[in-house]
Amino acid sequence: MIRRNIPNALTCGNLLCGCIGVVEAFHNNLIISCILIGVALIFDFLDGFLARILKVSSAIGRDLDSLADMVTFGLLPSIILYQLLMQSIPDLMGIWKAYPAFIVAVFSAIRLAKFNNDTRQSDSFIGVPTPANAMLIASLPIIVYTEGAFWKDVIINTNNLLILAVVMSYLLVMELPLIALKFKNFGWKGNEARFVLIITSLVLLVTLKILAIPVILIIYILLSVLENVRKRSVS
């Protein structure tokens, strides 16, 4: 009984991080919210990993995972984006411009619903996963806080943030197969793209630190496109 509920307990840890993150974001403590997204990513990885190792996957666990992801990787990133947009708007007359941040939450819900009902997504993702999108958005306040005036001017910009919200919302539901870090074995053959992505990401994180996050997402999409081309040419 305990063994069966270990993955669900980790999923609840993900959800708890999201709930606390929402409160902190509404108090404009964005760095804390971003750190909580990072902690939730660990919970999110471990719950699926342990469910496969322990062979205790269930429909309830899958639905619970999606509900937790909706809060932590859908709603919370939208609130962070909303707060960044509020910082970029010079007067209260333009406050309505911050509301499009919540299209990220809407498209995250669509993305998660599609994932639960799309049998094509067992070995790969169709569209950018919500955790990857959340990680990108969570990196923005940290970049603003740590990387100086230039990056602050780039990020705390109404047009740039609105474009980001629209582009990422589209990528969440785009019919584009993307690499999933689901290893059936740990051999090189069949996992080449996964290992390249992991190694490249680690190198970028060491060299670029938090600035690596947007770069990693771009590389992730490009590697996935190349992997799709390779598979088509083989078949």
Protein backbone atom coordinates (compact mmCIF):
# COMPACT_ATOMS: atom_id res chain seq x y z
CA MET A 1 0.00 0.00 0.00
CA ILE A 2 2.76 2.45 0.96
CA ARG A 3 4.80 1.47 -2.11
CA ARG A 4 1.84 2.18 -4.39
CA ASN A 5 1.42 5.71 -3.01
CA ILE A 6 5.06 6.86 -3.09
CA PRO A 7 4.74 8.41 -6.60
CA ASN A 8 1.44 10.09 -5.64
CA ALA A 9 3.08 11.55 -2.52
CA LEU A 10 5.78 13.09 -4.71
CA THR A 11 3.10 14.45 -7.06
CA CYS A 12 1.44 16.08 -4.05
CA GLY A 13 4.82 17.64 -3.22
CA ASN A 14 4.79 19.13 -6.73
CA LEU A 15 1.28 20.50 -6.13
CA LEU A 16 2.23 21.94 -2.73
CA CYS A 17 5.17 23.78 -4.31
CA GLY A 18 2.78 25.22 -6.90
CA CYS A 19 0.26 26.39 -4.30
CA ILE A 20 2.90 28.12 -2.16
CA GLY A 21 4.50 29.52 -5.33
CA VAL A 22 1.18 31.12 -6.34
CA VAL A 23 0.91 32.86 -2.96
CA GLU A 24 4.51 34.09 -3.16
CA ALA A 25 4.02 35.32 -6.73
CA PHE A 26 0.97 37.37 -5.75
CA HIS A 27 3.13 38.92 -3.03
CA ASN A 28 5.69 39.68 -5.77
CA ASN A 29 8.27 37.31 -4.25
CA LEU A 30 9.06 36.01 -7.72
CA ILE A 31 12.46 34.50 -6.90
CA ILE A 32 10.88 32.27 -4.26
CA SER A 33 8.18 31.24 -6.76
CA CYS A 34 10.84 30.38 -9.33
CA ILE A 35 12.81 28.31 -6.82
CA LEU A 36 9.62 26.42 -5.95
CA ILE A 37 9.11 25.62 -9.65
CA GLY A 38 12.63 24.17 -9.62
CA VAL A 39 11.83 22.02 -6.58
CA ALA A 40 8.55 20.92 -8.20
CA LEU A 41 10.46 19.85 -11.33
CA ILE A 42 12.44 17.41 -9.17
CA PHE A 43 9.21 16.03 -7.68
CA ASP A 44 7.69 15.79 -11.16
CA PHE A 45 10.66 13.82 -12.49
CA LEU A 46 10.82 11.49 -9.50
CA ASP A 47 7.11 10.64 -9.40
CA GLY A 48 7.11 9.33 -12.97
CA PHE A 49 10.51 7.68 -12.59
CA LEU A 50 9.53 5.82 -9.41
CA ALA A 51 6.12 4.88 -10.82
CA ARG A 52 7.90 3.10 -13.67
CA ILE A 53 10.56 1.52 -11.43
CA LEU A 54 8.02 0.33 -8.85
CA LYS A 55 5.49 -0.58 -11.58
CA VAL A 56 2.67 1.21 -9.78
CA SER A 57 1.38 3.47 -12.57
CA SER A 58 -2.35 4.14 -12.44
CA ALA A 59 -5.03 6.30 -14.06
CA ILE A 60 -5.49 8.17 -10.77
CA GLY A 61 -1.76 8.87 -10.58
CA ARG A 62 -1.77 10.18 -14.14
CA ASP A 63 -4.74 12.48 -13.50
CA LEU A 64 -3.26 13.68 -10.20
CA ASP A 65 -0.01 14.45 -12.00
CA SER A 66 -1.83 16.56 -14.61
CA LEU A 67 -3.79 18.45 -11.94
CA ALA A 68 -0.57 19.22 -10.05
CA ASP A 69 1.17 20.26 -13.27
CA MET A 70 -1.70 22.59 -14.12
CA VAL A 71 -1.15 24.54 -10.91
CA THR A 72 2.65 24.45 -10.79
CA PHE A 73 3.56 24.56 -14.47
CA GLY A 74 0.45 26.27 -15.87
CA LEU A 75 -1.07 28.76 -13.43
CA LEU A 76 2.10 29.72 -11.51
CA PRO A 77 4.16 30.64 -14.64
CA SER A 78 1.21 32.73 -15.84
CA ILE A 79 1.17 34.68 -12.57
CA ILE A 80 4.95 35.20 -12.78
CA LEU A 81 4.52 36.48 -16.36
CA TYR A 82 1.63 38.69 -15.19
CA GLN A 83 3.80 40.25 -12.46
CA LEU A 84 6.64 40.88 -14.93
CA LEU A 85 4.17 42.53 -17.30
CA MET A 86 2.87 44.69 -14.45
CA GLN A 87 6.44 45.87 -13.84
CA SER A 88 6.75 46.78 -17.52
CA ILE A 89 3.57 48.85 -17.68
CA PRO A 90 4.22 52.52 -16.79
CA ASP A 91 0.69 53.52 -15.72
CA LEU A 92 -2.51 51.97 -14.42
CA MET A 93 -4.35 52.83 -17.65
CA GLY A 94 -2.47 50.04 -19.38
CA ILE A 95 -2.99 47.41 -16.69
CA TRP A 96 -5.17 45.35 -19.05
CA LYS A 97 -2.04 44.55 -21.09
CA ALA A 98 -0.91 42.18 -18.32
CA TYR A 99 -3.96 39.91 -18.65
CA PRO A 100 -2.75 38.03 -21.77
CA ALA A 101 -0.19 36.37 -19.47
CA PHE A 102 -2.95 33.94 -18.53
CA ILE A 103 -3.23 32.49 -22.02
CA VAL A 104 -0.22 30.43 -20.91
CA ALA A 105 -2.42 28.83 -18.23
CA VAL A 106 -5.20 28.20 -20.76
CA PHE A 107 -2.90 26.55 -23.31
CA SER A 108 -1.15 24.61 -20.54
CA ALA A 109 -4.54 23.10 -19.64
CA ILE A 110 -5.12 22.17 -23.29
CA ARG A 111 -1.60 20.70 -23.49
CA LEU A 112 -2.12 18.55 -20.38
CA ALA A 113 -5.55 17.35 -21.55
CA LYS A 114 -4.07 16.37 -24.91
CA PHE A 115 -1.21 14.53 -23.22
CA ASN A 116 -3.59 12.41 -21.13
CA ASN A 117 -5.58 11.37 -24.19
CA ASP A 118 -2.95 11.16 -26.93
CA THR A 119 -1.48 7.67 -27.32
CA ARG A 120 1.29 9.05 -29.56
CA GLN A 121 3.01 10.62 -26.53
CA SER A 122 4.29 7.46 -24.87
CA ASP A 123 7.87 7.79 -26.20
CA SER A 124 7.91 11.45 -27.24
CA PHE A 125 6.03 14.67 -26.54
CA ILE A 126 3.79 16.48 -29.01
CA GLY A 127 4.40 20.16 -28.29
CA VAL A 128 6.57 21.70 -25.60
CA PRO A 129 5.94 20.04 -22.20
CA THR A 130 4.48 22.33 -19.52
CA PRO A 131 7.49 21.83 -17.16
CA ALA A 132 9.88 23.05 -19.90
CA ASN A 133 7.72 26.12 -20.50
CA ALA A 134 7.49 26.78 -16.75
CA MET A 135 11.27 26.47 -16.42
CA LEU A 136 11.76 29.07 -19.18
CA ILE A 137 9.38 31.56 -17.56
CA ALA A 138 10.84 30.89 -14.10
CA SER A 139 14.30 31.78 -15.40
CA LEU A 140 13.21 35.32 -16.35
CA PRO A 141 12.96 36.91 -12.86
CA ILE A 142 16.24 35.26 -11.87
CA ILE A 143 17.94 36.66 -14.99
CA VAL A 144 16.53 40.11 -14.19
CA TYR A 145 17.81 39.85 -10.61
CA THR A 146 21.27 38.47 -11.37
CA GLU A 147 22.37 39.48 -14.87
CA GLY A 148 22.36 43.28 -14.91
CA ALA A 149 20.59 46.21 -16.57
CA PHE A 150 20.81 45.01 -20.19
CA TRP A 151 18.86 41.80 -19.57
CA LYS A 152 16.44 43.61 -17.29
CA ASP A 153 15.59 46.01 -20.13
CA VAL A 154 15.14 43.11 -22.54
CA ILE A 155 12.87 41.12 -20.22
CA ILE A 156 10.87 43.87 -18.47
CA ASN A 157 9.44 44.98 -21.79
CA THR A 158 5.72 44.74 -22.46
CA ASN A 159 5.99 43.78 -26.13
CA ASN A 160 8.69 41.16 -25.53
CA LEU A 161 6.70 39.54 -22.72
CA LEU A 162 3.48 39.50 -24.75
CA ILE A 163 5.29 37.94 -27.71
CA LEU A 164 6.76 35.33 -25.37
CA ALA A 165 3.30 34.50 -23.97
CA VAL A 166 1.84 34.03 -27.48
CA VAL A 167 4.80 32.05 -28.87
CA MET A 168 5.07 29.70 -25.89
CA SER A 169 1.31 29.15 -25.80
CA TYR A 170 1.45 28.09 -29.45
CA LEU A 171 4.45 25.81 -28.87
CA LEU A 172 2.62 24.07 -26.02
CA VAL A 173 -0.02 22.72 -28.41
CA MET A 174 1.95 22.65 -31.67
CA GLU A 175 1.91 19.31 -33.54
CA LEU A 176 5.68 18.92 -33.20
CA PRO A 177 7.16 15.68 -31.81
CA LEU A 178 9.77 16.49 -29.16
CA ILE A 179 12.30 14.33 -27.34
CA ALA A 180 11.07 12.83 -24.06
CA LEU A 181 13.68 11.96 -21.42
CA LYS A 182 12.17 8.52 -20.91
CA PHE A 183 14.91 5.91 -20.98
CA LYS A 184 13.90 2.30 -21.67
CA ASN A 185 17.59 1.48 -21.22
CA PHE A 186 20.74 3.52 -20.65
CA GLY A 187 22.66 2.41 -23.72
CA TRP A 188 23.83 4.92 -26.32
CA LYS A 189 21.92 3.32 -29.21
CA GLY A 190 18.43 4.71 -29.47
CA ASN A 191 19.17 7.36 -26.82
CA GLU A 192 21.67 9.48 -28.81
CA ALA A 193 19.50 12.61 -28.90
CA ARG A 194 18.66 12.30 -25.20
CA PHE A 195 22.32 12.02 -24.16
CA VAL A 196 23.34 14.92 -26.45
CA LEU A 197 20.60 17.07 -24.92
CA ILE A 198 21.60 16.20 -21.34
CA ILE A 199 25.34 16.72 -21.92
CA THR A 200 24.81 19.99 -23.83
CA SER A 201 22.46 21.26 -21.14
CA LEU A 202 24.95 20.51 -18.36
CA VAL A 203 27.77 22.29 -20.24
CA LEU A 204 25.57 25.33 -20.88
CA LEU A 205 24.40 25.47 -17.25
CA VAL A 206 28.01 25.46 -16.06
CA THR A 207 29.12 28.13 -18.54
CA LEU A 208 26.07 30.39 -18.89
CA LYS A 209 24.32 29.62 -15.58
CA ILE A 210 20.72 30.89 -15.56
CA LEU A 211 21.07 32.38 -19.06
CA ALA A 212 21.43 28.80 -20.29
CA ILE A 213 17.72 28.03 -19.74
CA PRO A 214 16.33 29.84 -22.83
CA VAL A 215 19.24 28.51 -24.91
CA ILE A 216 18.58 24.94 -23.75
CA LEU A 217 14.91 25.22 -24.77
CA ILE A 218 15.90 26.37 -28.27
CA ILE A 219 18.44 23.52 -28.57
CA TYR A 220 15.80 21.09 -27.29
CA ILE A 221 13.40 22.08 -30.08
CA LEU A 222 16.14 22.03 -32.76
CA LEU A 223 17.44 18.62 -31.63
CA SER A 224 13.89 17.27 -31.71
CA VAL A 225 13.39 18.52 -35.26
CA LEU A 226 16.69 16.90 -36.34
CA GLU A 227 15.71 13.65 -34.60
CA ASN A 228 12.37 13.66 -36.47
CA VAL A 229 14.17 14.17 -39.79
CA ARG A 230 16.59 11.32 -38.95
CA LYS A 231 13.77 8.93 -38.08
CA ARG A 232 11.93 9.76 -41.29
CA SER A 233 15.04 9.20 -43.39
CA VAL A 234 15.66 5.81 -41.72
CA SER A 235 12.10 4.68 -42.23
